[in-house]
Amino acid sequence: MTFEPLTPERRRELTRQHLLEAAAIVFARDGFHGATLDAVASLAGFTKGAVYSNFKSKEDLFLALFEERIERQFALTAEVLESGPHERVDQFPRIRTLLHAMLLGDDSFQALYLEFVLYARRNPAARDRLIASERSERALIESLIEREHGSVGGDRPHPTRMLAEFSRAVFNGLAMTRLVDPEAVTEETIDTTLDMLYEAMGTRPPDDGSA
């Protein structure tokens, strides 16, 4: 059993994580505009000063939450990709199941993200931070695509950066569509999109009826 002493650095890390968990609840409940740092502090059991000692503003707190969510999703995706054989017939069902869970589950964060995008269009500082976060997300996708090509080979008909941007745009678009018309985005929609993405990457999915 590993025991970590409660050093000042460890205490700050735990406080920050606790604030992020509280923020996730408050933002989902009240929306970006309705949420306040006072509400986050109250739910977390800290003072507002504790929030400001970890985050510069409500925008900073939201983007930290957004970035943590992206990193968690990609860590999970990387784990799924690396946890078994890389052959398409084995890998495709695992990726499909993961995307079903991500896109067909709770969409409250997607609605919150859309609210922040509209806010950032009118606030240059927030827009710059959002651009940086989205570029970081694209870089993570590029690294996953590069990792897959390194494992399974195959031709690359398109630049990795373009494939990463394409996959971001398509899956974000599906998530936005689902906010308005949930019935338009089904398991079949996701499977077809994943087929198209594999083909765009130059690695066709298995033709075994599983997709």
Protein backbone atom coordinates (compact mmCIF):
# COMPACT_ATOMS: atom_id res chain seq x y z
CA MET A 1 0.00 0.00 0.00
CA THR A 2 1.38 3.41 -1.01
CA PHE A 3 0.99 6.29 1.43
CA GLU A 4 1.41 9.89 0.26
CA PRO A 5 2.24 12.46 2.96
CA LEU A 6 -0.12 15.45 3.01
CA THR A 7 2.49 17.96 1.88
CA PRO A 8 1.47 21.53 0.99
CA GLU A 9 1.69 20.59 -2.70
CA ARG A 10 -0.49 17.52 -2.18
CA ARG A 11 -2.98 19.60 -0.17
CA ARG A 12 -3.20 22.16 -2.98
CA GLU A 13 -3.71 19.36 -5.51
CA LEU A 14 -6.54 17.84 -3.47
CA THR A 15 -8.15 21.25 -2.95
CA ARG A 16 -8.02 22.00 -6.66
CA GLN A 17 -9.53 18.64 -7.57
CA HIS A 18 -12.29 19.07 -5.00
CA LEU A 19 -13.11 22.49 -6.46
CA LEU A 20 -13.25 21.05 -9.98
CA GLU A 21 -15.67 18.35 -8.82
CA ALA A 22 -17.88 20.98 -7.19
CA ALA A 23 -17.67 23.18 -10.28
CA ALA A 24 -18.84 20.32 -12.49
CA ILE A 25 -22.00 20.04 -10.41
CA VAL A 26 -22.66 23.79 -10.22
CA PHE A 27 -22.06 24.42 -13.94
CA ALA A 28 -24.27 21.49 -14.95
CA ARG A 29 -27.01 22.68 -12.60
CA ASP A 30 -26.90 26.44 -13.25
CA GLY A 31 -25.24 26.80 -16.66
CA PHE A 32 -22.16 28.89 -17.35
CA HIS A 33 -23.89 32.25 -16.93
CA GLY A 34 -25.90 31.22 -13.89
CA ALA A 35 -23.01 29.59 -12.03
CA THR A 36 -21.06 31.65 -9.50
CA LEU A 37 -17.76 31.14 -7.74
CA ASP A 38 -19.60 31.63 -4.45
CA ALA A 39 -21.79 28.63 -5.26
CA VAL A 40 -18.75 26.52 -6.17
CA ALA A 41 -16.95 27.50 -2.97
CA SER A 42 -20.03 26.79 -0.87
CA LEU A 43 -20.59 23.36 -2.36
CA ALA A 44 -16.93 22.46 -2.01
CA GLY A 45 -16.87 23.64 1.60
CA PHE A 46 -14.19 26.27 1.00
CA THR A 47 -14.06 30.06 1.03
CA LYS A 48 -14.25 32.06 -2.18
CA GLY A 49 -10.61 32.96 -1.54
CA ALA A 50 -9.70 29.28 -1.91
CA VAL A 51 -11.26 29.32 -5.36
CA TYR A 52 -9.29 32.41 -6.38
CA SER A 53 -6.08 30.88 -5.06
CA ASN A 54 -6.52 28.09 -7.64
CA PHE A 55 -8.40 29.76 -10.51
CA LYS A 56 -8.24 33.34 -11.81
CA SER A 57 -11.89 33.63 -12.78
CA LYS A 58 -15.06 31.71 -13.61
CA GLU A 59 -13.79 31.39 -17.19
CA ASP A 60 -10.51 29.95 -15.94
CA LEU A 61 -12.36 27.45 -13.76
CA PHE A 62 -14.62 26.36 -16.62
CA LEU A 63 -11.71 25.88 -19.03
CA ALA A 64 -9.79 23.89 -16.42
CA LEU A 65 -12.85 21.67 -16.09
CA PHE A 66 -13.14 21.37 -19.88
CA GLU A 67 -9.45 20.50 -20.26
CA GLU A 68 -9.61 17.89 -17.50
CA ARG A 69 -12.62 16.27 -19.17
CA ILE A 70 -10.82 16.10 -22.53
CA GLU A 71 -7.69 14.63 -20.97
CA ARG A 72 -9.76 12.03 -19.13
CA GLN A 73 -11.59 11.02 -22.30
CA PHE A 74 -8.38 10.65 -24.25
CA ALA A 75 -6.69 8.71 -21.48
CA LEU A 76 -9.63 6.31 -21.60
CA THR A 77 -9.46 6.11 -25.40
CA ALA A 78 -5.72 5.43 -25.30
CA GLU A 79 -6.29 2.70 -22.72
CA VAL A 80 -8.93 1.06 -24.93
CA LEU A 81 -6.64 1.22 -27.98
CA GLU A 82 -3.72 -0.30 -26.10
CA SER A 83 -5.60 -2.89 -24.03
CA GLY A 84 -6.01 -5.49 -26.77
CA PRO A 85 -5.03 -6.55 -30.28
CA HIS A 86 -4.68 -3.81 -32.90
CA GLU A 87 -6.34 -5.76 -35.68
CA ARG A 88 -9.50 -3.98 -36.88
CA VAL A 89 -11.74 -6.98 -36.22
CA ASP A 90 -10.78 -6.86 -32.52
CA GLN A 91 -10.34 -3.12 -32.05
CA PHE A 92 -13.33 -1.70 -33.91
CA PRO A 93 -15.99 -3.04 -31.47
CA ARG A 94 -14.10 -1.58 -28.49
CA ILE A 95 -13.87 1.88 -30.04
CA ARG A 96 -17.50 1.70 -31.12
CA THR A 97 -18.65 0.87 -27.58
CA LEU A 98 -16.57 3.75 -26.18
CA LEU A 99 -18.04 6.27 -28.62
CA HIS A 100 -21.57 5.07 -27.92
CA ALA A 101 -20.99 5.78 -24.22
CA MET A 102 -19.46 9.21 -24.88
CA LEU A 103 -22.01 10.47 -27.39
CA LEU A 104 -25.22 8.80 -26.25
CA GLY A 105 -24.89 9.42 -22.52
CA ASP A 106 -25.46 12.56 -20.47
CA ASP A 107 -25.26 15.58 -22.77
CA SER A 108 -25.40 18.29 -20.09
CA PHE A 109 -21.72 19.15 -20.52
CA GLN A 110 -22.16 19.52 -24.28
CA ALA A 111 -24.90 22.08 -23.69
CA LEU A 112 -22.64 23.88 -21.22
CA TYR A 113 -19.79 23.88 -23.73
CA LEU A 114 -22.05 25.40 -26.39
CA GLU A 115 -23.05 28.13 -23.94
CA PHE A 116 -19.39 28.93 -23.30
CA VAL A 117 -18.59 29.00 -27.04
CA LEU A 118 -21.24 31.68 -27.56
CA TYR A 119 -19.89 33.61 -24.56
CA ALA A 120 -16.31 33.37 -25.88
CA ARG A 121 -17.31 34.87 -29.25
CA ARG A 122 -17.95 38.16 -27.46
CA ASN A 123 -15.04 37.97 -25.01
CA PRO A 124 -11.60 38.00 -26.67
CA ALA A 125 -9.69 36.75 -23.62
CA ALA A 126 -12.03 33.80 -23.17
CA ARG A 127 -11.91 33.11 -26.91
CA ASP A 128 -8.10 32.99 -26.87
CA ARG A 129 -8.15 30.50 -23.99
CA LEU A 130 -10.76 28.38 -25.76
CA ILE A 131 -8.70 28.36 -28.96
CA ALA A 132 -5.67 27.18 -26.98
CA SER A 133 -7.72 24.42 -25.33
CA GLU A 134 -9.15 23.25 -28.65
CA ARG A 135 -5.71 23.20 -30.24
CA SER A 136 -4.52 21.07 -27.35
CA GLU A 137 -7.46 18.73 -27.95
CA ARG A 138 -6.56 18.46 -31.63
CA ALA A 139 -2.96 17.66 -30.71
CA LEU A 140 -4.17 14.82 -28.50
CA ILE A 141 -6.24 13.43 -31.37
CA GLU A 142 -3.25 13.71 -33.70
CA SER A 143 -1.12 11.74 -31.23
CA LEU A 144 -3.74 8.96 -31.09
CA ILE A 145 -3.92 8.78 -34.89
CA GLU A 146 -0.11 8.69 -35.14
CA ARG A 147 0.01 5.96 -32.52
CA GLU A 148 -2.51 3.86 -34.41
CA HIS A 149 -0.73 4.23 -37.73
CA GLY A 150 2.50 3.29 -36.01
CA SER A 151 0.87 0.10 -34.71
CA VAL A 152 -1.11 -1.08 -37.75
CA GLY A 153 0.58 0.66 -40.65
CA GLY A 154 -1.29 1.47 -43.84
CA ASP A 155 -1.22 4.38 -46.25
CA ARG A 156 -2.03 7.90 -45.10
CA PRO A 157 -4.24 9.48 -47.77
CA HIS A 158 -4.64 12.66 -45.72
CA PRO A 159 -2.39 14.65 -43.34
CA THR A 160 -2.78 13.66 -39.69
CA ARG A 161 -3.69 17.22 -38.71
CA MET A 162 -6.57 17.27 -41.20
CA LEU A 163 -7.82 13.88 -39.98
CA ALA A 164 -7.74 15.15 -36.41
CA GLU A 165 -9.70 18.28 -37.31
CA PHE A 166 -12.16 16.23 -39.36
CA SER A 167 -12.86 13.83 -36.48
CA ARG A 168 -13.28 16.75 -34.03
CA ALA A 169 -15.71 18.52 -36.33
CA VAL A 170 -17.77 15.43 -37.10
CA PHE A 171 -18.18 14.11 -33.57
CA ASN A 172 -18.70 17.57 -32.08
CA GLY A 173 -21.31 18.17 -34.76
CA LEU A 174 -23.11 14.95 -33.86
CA ALA A 175 -23.09 15.95 -30.20
CA MET A 176 -24.56 19.37 -31.07
CA THR A 177 -27.22 17.79 -33.29
CA ARG A 178 -28.21 15.47 -30.46
CA LEU A 179 -28.92 18.47 -28.21
CA VAL A 180 -31.69 19.51 -30.61
CA ASP A 181 -32.84 16.20 -32.06
CA PRO A 182 -31.69 13.19 -30.01
CA GLU A 183 -33.35 10.74 -32.37
CA ALA A 184 -31.13 11.91 -35.24
CA VAL A 185 -27.99 10.56 -33.56
CA THR A 186 -28.19 6.81 -33.01
CA GLU A 187 -25.76 3.94 -32.61
CA GLU A 188 -26.02 3.43 -36.36
CA THR A 189 -25.11 7.08 -36.97
CA ILE A 190 -22.01 6.74 -34.82
CA ASP A 191 -21.01 3.43 -36.42
CA THR A 192 -21.33 4.87 -39.92
CA THR A 193 -19.28 7.92 -38.93
CA LEU A 194 -16.61 5.68 -37.43
CA ASP A 195 -16.53 3.62 -40.66
CA MET A 196 -15.94 6.79 -42.65
CA LEU A 197 -13.20 7.95 -40.29
CA TYR A 198 -11.34 4.63 -40.53
CA GLU A 199 -11.54 4.80 -44.32
CA ALA A 200 -10.26 8.39 -44.28
CA MET A 201 -7.33 7.19 -42.19
CA GLY A 202 -6.52 4.53 -44.79
CA THR A 203 -7.40 1.66 -42.45
CA ARG A 204 -10.72 0.10 -43.42
CA PRO A 205 -12.91 -1.35 -40.63
CA PRO A 206 -13.58 -5.10 -40.53
CA ASP A 207 -16.13 -6.43 -42.99
CA ASP A 208 -17.64 -8.95 -40.61
CA GLY A 209 -21.08 -7.45 -40.00
CA SER A 210 -20.11 -6.06 -36.59
CA ALA A 211 -20.23 -2.43 -37.70
